[in-house]
N, C-alpha and C. Protein backbone atom coordinates (compact mmCIF):
# COMPACT_ATOMS: atom_id res chain seq x y z
N MET A 1 83.43 100.34 99.72
CA MET A 1 83.53 101.02 98.44
C MET A 1 84.56 100.27 97.61
N GLY A 2 84.18 99.84 96.41
CA GLY A 2 85.10 99.06 95.60
C GLY A 2 84.98 99.34 94.12
N ARG A 3 86.09 99.18 93.45
CA ARG A 3 86.12 99.31 91.99
C ARG A 3 86.13 97.91 91.38
N TRP A 4 85.38 97.75 90.31
CA TRP A 4 85.32 96.48 89.59
C TRP A 4 86.73 96.05 89.20
N PRO A 5 87.14 94.82 89.55
CA PRO A 5 88.53 94.38 89.34
C PRO A 5 88.81 93.89 87.93
N ALA A 6 88.78 94.79 86.98
CA ALA A 6 89.08 94.45 85.59
C ALA A 6 90.45 95.00 85.21
N PRO A 7 91.26 94.23 84.47
CA PRO A 7 92.58 94.73 84.06
C PRO A 7 92.50 96.07 83.36
N GLY A 8 93.32 97.01 83.80
CA GLY A 8 93.34 98.32 83.21
C GLY A 8 92.31 99.29 83.76
N ARG A 9 91.44 98.81 84.65
CA ARG A 9 90.38 99.67 85.18
C ARG A 9 90.42 99.80 86.70
N CYS A 10 91.47 99.29 87.32
CA CYS A 10 91.59 99.37 88.78
C CYS A 10 93.07 99.36 89.16
N LYS A 11 93.35 99.82 90.37
CA LYS A 11 94.68 99.74 90.95
C LYS A 11 95.77 100.23 89.99
N SER A 12 95.60 101.43 89.45
CA SER A 12 96.55 101.93 88.46
C SER A 12 97.96 102.09 89.03
N ARG A 13 98.06 102.51 90.30
CA ARG A 13 99.40 102.67 90.89
C ARG A 13 100.07 101.33 91.11
N LEU A 14 99.30 100.32 91.44
CA LEU A 14 99.84 98.98 91.61
C LEU A 14 100.22 98.38 90.26
N ALA A 15 99.43 98.67 89.23
CA ALA A 15 99.67 98.12 87.90
C ALA A 15 100.97 98.62 87.29
N VAL A 16 101.44 99.78 87.70
CA VAL A 16 102.69 100.32 87.15
C VAL A 16 103.84 99.34 87.36
N GLY A 17 103.88 98.69 88.51
CA GLY A 17 104.97 97.76 88.79
C GLY A 17 104.63 96.31 88.52
N LEU A 18 103.35 95.96 88.48
CA LEU A 18 102.97 94.55 88.40
C LEU A 18 102.26 94.17 87.11
N GLY A 19 101.78 95.14 86.39
CA GLY A 19 100.96 94.85 85.21
C GLY A 19 99.49 94.87 85.56
N THR A 20 98.66 95.10 84.57
CA THR A 20 97.24 95.28 84.83
C THR A 20 96.53 94.01 85.28
N ARG A 21 96.96 92.85 84.76
CA ARG A 21 96.28 91.60 85.14
C ARG A 21 96.55 91.23 86.60
N ARG A 22 97.81 91.33 87.02
CA ARG A 22 98.13 91.02 88.41
C ARG A 22 97.48 92.02 89.36
N ALA A 23 97.47 93.29 88.97
CA ALA A 23 96.84 94.31 89.81
C ALA A 23 95.35 94.02 89.96
N ALA A 24 94.69 93.62 88.89
CA ALA A 24 93.26 93.30 88.95
C ALA A 24 93.01 92.06 89.81
N ALA A 25 93.90 91.06 89.72
CA ALA A 25 93.75 89.86 90.54
C ALA A 25 93.88 90.20 92.03
N ILE A 26 94.81 91.09 92.34
CA ILE A 26 94.97 91.52 93.73
C ILE A 26 93.74 92.28 94.20
N GLN A 27 93.23 93.16 93.34
CA GLN A 27 92.01 93.90 93.68
C GLN A 27 90.85 92.95 93.93
N ARG A 28 90.72 91.92 93.10
CA ARG A 28 89.64 90.95 93.26
C ARG A 28 89.75 90.24 94.61
N ALA A 29 90.98 89.81 94.95
CA ALA A 29 91.19 89.11 96.22
C ALA A 29 90.93 90.02 97.41
N LEU A 30 91.39 91.26 97.34
CA LEU A 30 91.19 92.19 98.44
C LEU A 30 89.70 92.52 98.62
N GLY A 31 89.01 92.72 97.50
CA GLY A 31 87.58 93.00 97.60
C GLY A 31 86.82 91.84 98.21
N GLY A 32 87.16 90.62 97.81
CA GLY A 32 86.52 89.44 98.38
C GLY A 32 86.80 89.32 99.86
N HIS A 33 88.05 89.59 100.25
CA HIS A 33 88.41 89.53 101.66
C HIS A 33 87.63 90.56 102.47
N GLY A 34 87.58 91.79 101.98
CA GLY A 34 86.87 92.85 102.71
C GLY A 34 85.40 92.54 102.89
N MET A 35 84.77 92.03 101.84
CA MET A 35 83.34 91.71 101.94
C MET A 35 83.11 90.52 102.86
N ALA A 36 84.03 89.54 102.85
CA ALA A 36 83.88 88.39 103.75
C ALA A 36 83.95 88.83 105.21
N GLU A 37 84.90 89.72 105.52
CA GLU A 37 85.01 90.21 106.90
C GLU A 37 83.80 91.06 107.27
N ALA A 38 83.30 91.84 106.32
CA ALA A 38 82.10 92.65 106.59
C ALA A 38 80.89 91.75 106.85
N ARG A 39 80.79 90.65 106.09
CA ARG A 39 79.68 89.71 106.33
C ARG A 39 79.79 89.09 107.72
N ARG A 40 81.02 88.76 108.14
CA ARG A 40 81.20 88.21 109.49
C ARG A 40 80.77 89.21 110.55
N ALA A 41 81.14 90.46 110.34
CA ALA A 41 80.75 91.50 111.29
C ALA A 41 79.23 91.64 111.33
N ALA A 42 78.59 91.62 110.16
CA ALA A 42 77.13 91.77 110.09
C ALA A 42 76.43 90.59 110.76
N ALA A 43 77.01 89.38 110.64
CA ALA A 43 76.38 88.20 111.23
C ALA A 43 76.37 88.28 112.75
N ARG A 44 77.32 89.02 113.33
CA ARG A 44 77.41 89.15 114.79
C ARG A 44 76.57 90.30 115.33
N ARG A 45 76.01 91.12 114.44
CA ARG A 45 75.29 92.32 114.87
C ARG A 45 73.94 92.40 114.17
N PRO A 46 72.88 91.93 114.82
CA PRO A 46 71.56 92.04 114.20
C PRO A 46 71.24 93.49 113.85
N GLY A 47 70.70 93.69 112.67
CA GLY A 47 70.35 95.03 112.24
C GLY A 47 71.42 95.72 111.43
N LEU A 48 72.61 95.15 111.38
CA LEU A 48 73.68 95.76 110.58
C LEU A 48 73.51 95.32 109.13
N ALA A 49 73.44 96.28 108.22
CA ALA A 49 73.28 95.99 106.79
C ALA A 49 74.56 96.32 106.05
N LEU A 50 74.81 95.59 104.99
CA LEU A 50 76.05 95.70 104.23
C LEU A 50 75.76 96.17 102.81
N ALA A 51 76.34 97.30 102.43
CA ALA A 51 76.15 97.85 101.09
C ALA A 51 77.49 97.84 100.36
N LEU A 52 77.45 97.59 99.07
CA LEU A 52 78.63 97.70 98.21
C LEU A 52 78.46 98.92 97.32
N ALA A 53 79.37 99.87 97.46
CA ALA A 53 79.36 101.07 96.62
C ALA A 53 80.33 100.84 95.47
N VAL A 54 79.82 100.75 94.26
CA VAL A 54 80.58 100.26 93.11
C VAL A 54 81.04 101.39 92.20
N SER A 55 82.26 101.24 91.71
CA SER A 55 82.79 102.11 90.66
C SER A 55 83.26 101.21 89.52
N GLY A 56 83.02 101.63 88.29
CA GLY A 56 83.51 100.89 87.14
C GLY A 56 82.53 99.94 86.49
N LEU A 57 81.28 99.92 86.98
CA LEU A 57 80.25 99.06 86.40
C LEU A 57 78.94 99.82 86.33
N GLY A 58 78.06 99.37 85.43
CA GLY A 58 76.72 99.92 85.36
C GLY A 58 75.82 99.29 86.40
N PRO A 59 74.59 99.75 86.49
CA PRO A 59 73.68 99.29 87.55
C PRO A 59 73.41 97.79 87.56
N ARG A 60 73.10 97.20 86.40
CA ARG A 60 72.76 95.77 86.39
C ARG A 60 73.95 94.90 86.76
N ALA A 61 75.11 95.17 86.18
CA ALA A 61 76.30 94.40 86.50
C ALA A 61 76.71 94.61 87.96
N SER A 62 76.51 95.82 88.46
CA SER A 62 76.83 96.10 89.87
C SER A 62 75.97 95.27 90.80
N ARG A 63 74.68 95.13 90.45
CA ARG A 63 73.80 94.32 91.29
C ARG A 63 74.23 92.87 91.30
N ARG A 64 74.65 92.34 90.13
CA ARG A 64 75.11 90.95 90.09
C ARG A 64 76.36 90.76 90.93
N TRP A 65 77.31 91.70 90.81
CA TRP A 65 78.56 91.61 91.57
C TRP A 65 78.28 91.68 93.07
N ALA A 66 77.43 92.62 93.48
CA ALA A 66 77.11 92.77 94.90
C ALA A 66 76.43 91.52 95.45
N ALA A 67 75.52 90.94 94.68
CA ALA A 67 74.83 89.73 95.12
C ALA A 67 75.82 88.59 95.30
N GLY A 68 76.77 88.47 94.37
CA GLY A 68 77.78 87.43 94.47
C GLY A 68 78.69 87.58 95.69
N LEU A 69 78.88 88.82 96.13
CA LEU A 69 79.72 89.08 97.30
C LEU A 69 78.93 89.07 98.61
N GLY A 70 77.62 88.96 98.52
CA GLY A 70 76.80 88.87 99.72
C GLY A 70 76.37 90.20 100.30
N ALA A 71 76.35 91.25 99.50
CA ALA A 71 75.90 92.56 99.99
C ALA A 71 74.37 92.58 100.08
N ASP A 72 73.87 93.37 101.01
CA ASP A 72 72.43 93.52 101.16
C ASP A 72 71.85 94.43 100.08
N TRP A 73 72.62 95.42 99.68
CA TRP A 73 72.22 96.28 98.56
C TRP A 73 73.45 96.88 97.92
N VAL A 74 73.23 97.50 96.78
CA VAL A 74 74.34 98.08 96.02
C VAL A 74 74.02 99.53 95.68
N GLU A 75 75.05 100.35 95.66
CA GLU A 75 74.94 101.73 95.22
C GLU A 75 76.07 102.00 94.23
N LEU A 76 75.86 102.91 93.33
CA LEU A 76 76.94 103.37 92.47
C LEU A 76 77.66 104.50 93.17
N GLN A 77 78.99 104.52 93.06
CA GLN A 77 79.75 105.59 93.70
C GLN A 77 79.50 106.93 93.05
N GLY A 78 79.28 106.93 91.75
CA GLY A 78 79.07 108.19 91.04
C GLY A 78 80.38 108.90 90.74
N GLN A 79 80.27 110.10 90.22
CA GLN A 79 81.43 110.86 89.78
C GLN A 79 81.97 111.74 90.91
N GLY A 80 83.15 112.30 90.66
CA GLY A 80 83.70 113.27 91.58
C GLY A 80 84.86 112.75 92.39
N ARG A 81 85.45 113.66 93.14
CA ARG A 81 86.58 113.32 94.00
C ARG A 81 86.13 112.39 95.11
N LEU A 82 87.11 111.78 95.77
CA LEU A 82 86.80 110.81 96.82
C LEU A 82 85.90 111.42 97.89
N GLY A 83 86.16 112.65 98.29
CA GLY A 83 85.33 113.28 99.32
C GLY A 83 83.86 113.33 98.94
N TRP A 84 83.58 113.69 97.69
CA TRP A 84 82.19 113.73 97.22
C TRP A 84 81.58 112.34 97.24
N ARG A 85 82.36 111.32 96.83
CA ARG A 85 81.83 109.95 96.78
C ARG A 85 81.58 109.40 98.19
N LEU A 86 82.45 109.72 99.13
CA LEU A 86 82.23 109.30 100.52
C LEU A 86 80.96 109.95 101.08
N GLN A 87 80.85 111.25 100.87
CA GLN A 87 79.67 111.96 101.37
C GLN A 87 78.40 111.41 100.73
N ARG A 88 78.45 111.10 99.44
CA ARG A 88 77.28 110.54 98.76
C ARG A 88 76.85 109.22 99.40
N GLN A 89 77.81 108.35 99.70
CA GLN A 89 77.47 107.07 100.31
C GLN A 89 76.90 107.24 101.71
N LEU A 90 77.43 108.20 102.44
CA LEU A 90 76.88 108.49 103.77
C LEU A 90 75.41 108.90 103.65
N MET A 91 75.11 109.79 102.73
CA MET A 91 73.74 110.26 102.58
C MET A 91 72.81 109.15 102.09
N LEU A 92 73.31 108.29 101.20
CA LEU A 92 72.49 107.17 100.73
C LEU A 92 72.19 106.19 101.86
N ALA A 93 73.19 105.95 102.71
CA ALA A 93 72.97 105.05 103.85
C ALA A 93 71.93 105.64 104.80
N ARG A 94 71.97 106.95 104.98
CA ARG A 94 70.98 107.61 105.83
C ARG A 94 69.56 107.43 105.24
N ARG A 95 69.47 107.50 103.92
CA ARG A 95 68.15 107.31 103.29
C ARG A 95 67.62 105.90 103.53
N HIS A 96 68.54 104.94 103.69
CA HIS A 96 68.14 103.57 104.00
C HIS A 96 67.81 103.41 105.48
N GLY A 97 67.94 104.48 106.26
CA GLY A 97 67.59 104.42 107.67
C GLY A 97 68.75 104.21 108.62
N ALA A 98 69.98 104.23 108.13
CA ALA A 98 71.13 104.00 109.00
C ALA A 98 71.35 105.17 109.94
N GLN A 99 71.56 104.88 111.22
CA GLN A 99 71.89 105.90 112.21
C GLN A 99 73.40 106.06 112.36
N ARG A 100 74.10 104.94 112.26
CA ARG A 100 75.57 104.96 112.30
C ARG A 100 76.08 104.31 111.02
N VAL A 101 77.06 104.93 110.40
CA VAL A 101 77.57 104.47 109.10
C VAL A 101 79.08 104.33 109.19
N VAL A 102 79.58 103.21 108.70
CA VAL A 102 81.02 102.96 108.62
C VAL A 102 81.37 102.70 107.16
N LEU A 103 82.34 103.45 106.64
CA LEU A 103 82.77 103.32 105.25
C LEU A 103 84.20 102.81 105.21
N ILE A 104 84.44 101.81 104.36
CA ILE A 104 85.80 101.30 104.14
C ILE A 104 86.02 101.15 102.65
N GLY A 105 87.30 101.05 102.27
CA GLY A 105 87.66 100.77 100.89
C GLY A 105 87.85 99.27 100.69
N SER A 106 88.40 98.93 99.53
CA SER A 106 88.56 97.51 99.19
C SER A 106 90.03 97.15 99.01
N ASP A 107 90.91 97.80 99.77
CA ASP A 107 92.34 97.53 99.63
C ASP A 107 93.00 97.30 100.99
N LEU A 108 92.32 96.49 101.83
CA LEU A 108 92.74 96.33 103.23
C LEU A 108 93.04 94.88 103.57
N PRO A 109 94.25 94.42 103.31
CA PRO A 109 94.57 93.02 103.61
C PRO A 109 94.51 92.68 105.09
N GLU A 110 94.66 93.67 105.98
CA GLU A 110 94.64 93.41 107.42
C GLU A 110 93.25 93.50 108.03
N LEU A 111 92.26 93.87 107.26
CA LEU A 111 90.92 94.07 107.82
C LEU A 111 90.38 92.80 108.46
N GLU A 112 89.77 92.96 109.64
CA GLU A 112 89.10 91.87 110.33
C GLU A 112 87.70 92.32 110.73
N ALA A 113 86.82 91.36 110.88
CA ALA A 113 85.46 91.69 111.31
C ALA A 113 85.47 92.46 112.62
N ALA A 114 86.42 92.13 113.50
CA ALA A 114 86.50 92.81 114.79
C ALA A 114 86.77 94.31 114.63
N ASP A 115 87.48 94.70 113.56
CA ASP A 115 87.72 96.13 113.31
C ASP A 115 86.41 96.87 113.07
N LEU A 116 85.54 96.26 112.31
CA LEU A 116 84.25 96.88 112.01
C LEU A 116 83.38 96.92 113.26
N GLY A 117 83.42 95.85 114.05
CA GLY A 117 82.70 95.84 115.31
C GLY A 117 83.20 96.93 116.24
N ALA A 118 84.52 97.11 116.29
CA ALA A 118 85.09 98.15 117.15
C ALA A 118 84.65 99.54 116.70
N ALA A 119 84.55 99.74 115.40
CA ALA A 119 84.12 101.04 114.88
C ALA A 119 82.68 101.34 115.30
N PHE A 120 81.79 100.36 115.16
CA PHE A 120 80.40 100.59 115.57
C PHE A 120 80.28 100.76 117.08
N ASP A 121 81.07 100.01 117.84
CA ASP A 121 81.05 100.19 119.29
C ASP A 121 81.50 101.60 119.66
N ALA A 122 82.55 102.09 119.01
CA ALA A 122 83.07 103.42 119.30
C ALA A 122 82.02 104.49 119.01
N LEU A 123 81.24 104.29 117.96
CA LEU A 123 80.25 105.30 117.58
C LEU A 123 79.11 105.43 118.58
N ALA A 124 79.03 104.49 119.53
CA ALA A 124 78.03 104.64 120.60
C ALA A 124 78.42 105.76 121.55
N GLY A 125 79.71 106.18 121.53
CA GLY A 125 80.15 107.20 122.46
C GLY A 125 80.93 108.34 121.84
N CYS A 126 80.95 108.42 120.52
CA CYS A 126 81.66 109.52 119.86
C CYS A 126 80.92 109.89 118.58
N ASP A 127 81.39 110.95 117.95
CA ASP A 127 80.76 111.40 116.71
C ASP A 127 81.37 110.75 115.48
N VAL A 128 82.70 110.60 115.51
CA VAL A 128 83.44 110.12 114.34
C VAL A 128 84.48 109.12 114.80
N VAL A 129 84.64 108.05 114.05
CA VAL A 129 85.72 107.11 114.28
C VAL A 129 86.56 107.03 113.01
N LEU A 130 87.87 107.04 113.16
CA LEU A 130 88.79 106.99 112.03
C LEU A 130 89.81 105.88 112.25
N GLY A 131 90.13 105.19 111.16
CA GLY A 131 91.20 104.20 111.18
C GLY A 131 92.40 104.78 110.45
N PRO A 132 93.42 105.22 111.16
CA PRO A 132 94.58 105.82 110.50
C PRO A 132 95.30 104.82 109.60
N ALA A 133 95.71 105.28 108.43
CA ALA A 133 96.49 104.46 107.50
C ALA A 133 97.95 104.90 107.56
N ALA A 134 98.84 103.96 107.28
CA ALA A 134 100.27 104.24 107.36
C ALA A 134 100.71 105.32 106.38
N ASP A 135 99.94 105.55 105.32
CA ASP A 135 100.34 106.53 104.30
C ASP A 135 99.83 107.94 104.60
N GLY A 136 99.23 108.14 105.79
CA GLY A 136 98.75 109.46 106.15
C GLY A 136 97.28 109.69 105.88
N GLY A 137 96.63 108.71 105.30
CA GLY A 137 95.18 108.79 105.08
C GLY A 137 94.44 108.04 106.16
N TYR A 138 93.26 107.53 105.82
CA TYR A 138 92.55 106.66 106.75
C TYR A 138 91.93 105.51 105.98
N TRP A 139 91.87 104.36 106.66
CA TRP A 139 91.33 103.16 106.02
C TRP A 139 89.86 102.95 106.38
N LEU A 140 89.35 103.71 107.33
CA LEU A 140 87.95 103.59 107.75
C LEU A 140 87.51 104.94 108.28
N ILE A 141 86.29 105.29 107.98
CA ILE A 141 85.64 106.43 108.64
C ILE A 141 84.23 106.00 109.01
N GLY A 142 83.87 106.27 110.26
CA GLY A 142 82.53 105.98 110.74
C GLY A 142 81.93 107.24 111.32
N LEU A 143 80.63 107.42 111.14
CA LEU A 143 79.97 108.65 111.59
C LEU A 143 78.64 108.33 112.25
N ALA A 144 78.37 109.08 113.32
CA ALA A 144 77.08 108.97 113.99
C ALA A 144 76.19 110.17 113.65
N GLY A 145 76.57 110.92 112.64
CA GLY A 145 75.82 112.08 112.18
C GLY A 145 76.28 112.44 110.78
N SER A 146 75.91 113.62 110.32
CA SER A 146 76.29 114.05 108.98
C SER A 146 76.98 115.40 109.05
N TRP A 147 78.25 115.41 108.68
CA TRP A 147 79.05 116.64 108.69
C TRP A 147 79.80 116.73 107.36
N PRO A 148 79.19 117.34 106.34
CA PRO A 148 79.81 117.40 105.01
C PRO A 148 81.20 118.00 105.01
N ARG A 149 81.49 118.91 105.95
CA ARG A 149 82.82 119.52 105.95
C ARG A 149 83.94 118.51 106.20
N LEU A 150 83.62 117.37 106.82
CA LEU A 150 84.66 116.35 107.02
C LEU A 150 85.19 115.83 105.70
N PHE A 151 84.39 115.93 104.66
CA PHE A 151 84.80 115.44 103.35
C PHE A 151 85.24 116.56 102.42
N ALA A 152 84.81 117.77 102.74
CA ALA A 152 85.20 118.90 101.90
C ALA A 152 86.39 119.66 102.47
N GLY A 153 86.53 119.66 103.80
CA GLY A 153 87.67 120.31 104.41
C GLY A 153 87.45 121.75 104.81
N GLY A 154 86.22 122.25 104.66
CA GLY A 154 85.97 123.63 105.04
C GLY A 154 86.62 124.59 104.07
N PRO A 155 87.23 125.67 104.58
CA PRO A 155 87.83 126.69 103.70
C PRO A 155 88.94 126.13 102.81
N ARG A 156 89.64 125.11 103.31
CA ARG A 156 90.73 124.52 102.52
C ARG A 156 90.37 123.08 102.19
N ALA A 157 90.41 122.73 100.94
CA ALA A 157 90.01 121.39 100.50
C ALA A 157 90.98 120.34 101.03
N ILE A 158 90.43 119.17 101.38
CA ILE A 158 91.27 118.04 101.79
C ILE A 158 92.01 117.53 100.56
N ALA A 159 93.30 117.30 100.72
CA ALA A 159 94.15 116.85 99.61
C ALA A 159 94.05 115.33 99.49
N TRP A 160 92.96 114.86 98.88
CA TRP A 160 92.72 113.42 98.76
C TRP A 160 93.87 112.75 98.02
N GLY A 161 94.31 111.61 98.55
CA GLY A 161 95.42 110.87 97.96
C GLY A 161 96.77 111.30 98.49
N GLY A 162 96.82 112.37 99.29
CA GLY A 162 98.08 112.84 99.85
C GLY A 162 98.31 112.27 101.24
N ASP A 163 99.41 112.70 101.85
CA ASP A 163 99.80 112.16 103.15
C ASP A 163 99.27 112.99 104.32
N GLN A 164 98.38 113.94 104.04
CA GLN A 164 97.82 114.78 105.10
C GLN A 164 96.31 114.61 105.28
N VAL A 165 95.74 113.61 104.64
CA VAL A 165 94.29 113.44 104.67
C VAL A 165 93.79 113.24 106.11
N LEU A 166 94.44 112.37 106.86
CA LEU A 166 94.02 112.14 108.24
C LEU A 166 94.17 113.41 109.07
N ALA A 167 95.33 114.05 108.98
CA ALA A 167 95.57 115.26 109.77
C ALA A 167 94.57 116.35 109.41
N GLN A 168 94.28 116.52 108.13
CA GLN A 168 93.33 117.54 107.71
C GLN A 168 91.91 117.21 108.19
N THR A 169 91.55 115.93 108.14
CA THR A 169 90.22 115.52 108.61
C THR A 169 90.09 115.74 110.11
N LEU A 170 91.13 115.41 110.87
CA LEU A 170 91.11 115.64 112.32
C LEU A 170 91.01 117.13 112.64
N ALA A 171 91.68 117.96 111.84
CA ALA A 171 91.61 119.40 112.06
C ALA A 171 90.19 119.92 111.84
N VAL A 172 89.53 119.43 110.80
CA VAL A 172 88.15 119.84 110.53
C VAL A 172 87.23 119.36 111.66
N ALA A 173 87.42 118.11 112.09
CA ALA A 173 86.61 117.58 113.19
C ALA A 173 86.77 118.43 114.44
N ASP A 174 87.99 118.86 114.71
CA ASP A 174 88.25 119.71 115.87
C ASP A 174 87.53 121.05 115.73
N GLN A 175 87.57 121.63 114.53
CA GLN A 175 86.87 122.90 114.29
C GLN A 175 85.37 122.77 114.51
N LEU A 176 84.83 121.60 114.18
CA LEU A 176 83.40 121.35 114.32
C LEU A 176 83.00 120.93 115.74
N GLY A 177 84.00 120.73 116.60
CA GLY A 177 83.74 120.31 117.97
C GLY A 177 83.31 118.87 118.09
N LEU A 178 83.75 118.01 117.16
CA LEU A 178 83.33 116.61 117.16
C LEU A 178 84.26 115.76 118.02
N VAL A 179 83.70 114.77 118.66
CA VAL A 179 84.47 113.81 119.45
C VAL A 179 84.91 112.69 118.51
N VAL A 180 86.22 112.46 118.44
CA VAL A 180 86.79 111.48 117.50
C VAL A 180 87.47 110.35 118.26
N THR A 181 87.26 109.13 117.80
CA THR A 181 87.98 107.96 118.30
C THR A 181 88.85 107.42 117.17
N LEU A 182 90.09 107.09 117.50
CA LEU A 182 91.01 106.51 116.51
C LEU A 182 91.16 105.01 116.75
N LEU A 183 91.06 104.25 115.69
CA LEU A 183 91.31 102.81 115.73
C LEU A 183 92.81 102.58 115.50
N PRO A 184 93.28 101.33 115.63
CA PRO A 184 94.69 101.05 115.34
C PRO A 184 95.05 101.37 113.89
N MET A 185 96.31 101.70 113.68
CA MET A 185 96.80 101.99 112.33
C MET A 185 96.84 100.70 111.50
N ARG A 186 96.51 100.83 110.24
CA ARG A 186 96.57 99.73 109.28
C ARG A 186 97.28 100.22 108.03
N GLN A 187 97.75 99.27 107.23
CA GLN A 187 98.37 99.61 105.96
C GLN A 187 97.46 99.16 104.83
N ASP A 188 97.06 100.08 103.97
CA ASP A 188 96.30 99.67 102.79
C ASP A 188 97.30 99.30 101.69
N LEU A 189 96.79 98.80 100.59
CA LEU A 189 97.65 98.27 99.55
C LEU A 189 97.40 99.05 98.26
N ASP A 190 98.30 99.97 97.97
CA ASP A 190 98.13 100.83 96.80
C ASP A 190 99.26 100.72 95.79
N ARG A 191 100.48 100.50 96.28
CA ARG A 191 101.66 100.52 95.41
C ARG A 191 102.42 99.20 95.52
N PRO A 192 103.24 98.89 94.51
CA PRO A 192 104.00 97.62 94.56
C PRO A 192 104.80 97.45 95.84
N GLY A 193 105.37 98.52 96.38
CA GLY A 193 106.13 98.40 97.62
C GLY A 193 105.30 97.95 98.80
N ASP A 194 103.98 98.21 98.75
CA ASP A 194 103.11 97.79 99.86
C ASP A 194 102.95 96.28 99.92
N LEU A 195 103.32 95.58 98.84
CA LEU A 195 103.16 94.13 98.82
C LEU A 195 104.24 93.40 99.59
N ARG A 196 105.34 94.06 99.90
CA ARG A 196 106.48 93.35 100.51
C ARG A 196 106.10 92.58 101.76
N ARG A 197 105.31 93.21 102.62
CA ARG A 197 104.98 92.56 103.88
C ARG A 197 103.97 91.42 103.70
N TRP A 198 103.33 91.30 102.52
CA TRP A 198 102.31 90.27 102.31
C TRP A 198 102.83 89.10 101.50
N ARG A 199 104.10 89.14 101.07
CA ARG A 199 104.62 88.03 100.25
C ARG A 199 105.07 86.90 101.13
């Protein structure tokens, strides 16, 4: 899932400290890195298809961007909170015939193809796989089924963007009786302070 890397239209929290042009350049580099690692993972796994879920562009421009990045197909993220957009992509992947779906964002400097392979391997023996993020969220979610409450939070909505997203998602998974596997923790790149370790 990625936002078009145009100045002023992406990475708003990063742009506060760096400016819109630098933030967009970082977004462009991170998106390219994520797609390159996803292509490597797909090359090692026959039958694995790669979709780019786009925000910030119309359909025709999204198709051009996705083709340039090597995606097999493109979807628009659509409107709504992150939970709705994640659920929408899961359902669209199912319509394409996917049995197991792994969703990632485009702000993961540590992402490796092996991470995606590990997620798909884990889904052979569990319902949900999550990659914990250092900020309390998650950098990856993989599913071997469809459980909308994982994105809605049940009676209490998941506080998207907060530091309890992972904990709240795990609580919902527990309520649903789902078997969850956790991948290693990673740090995504959202704020200027997150850049320190990458300089």
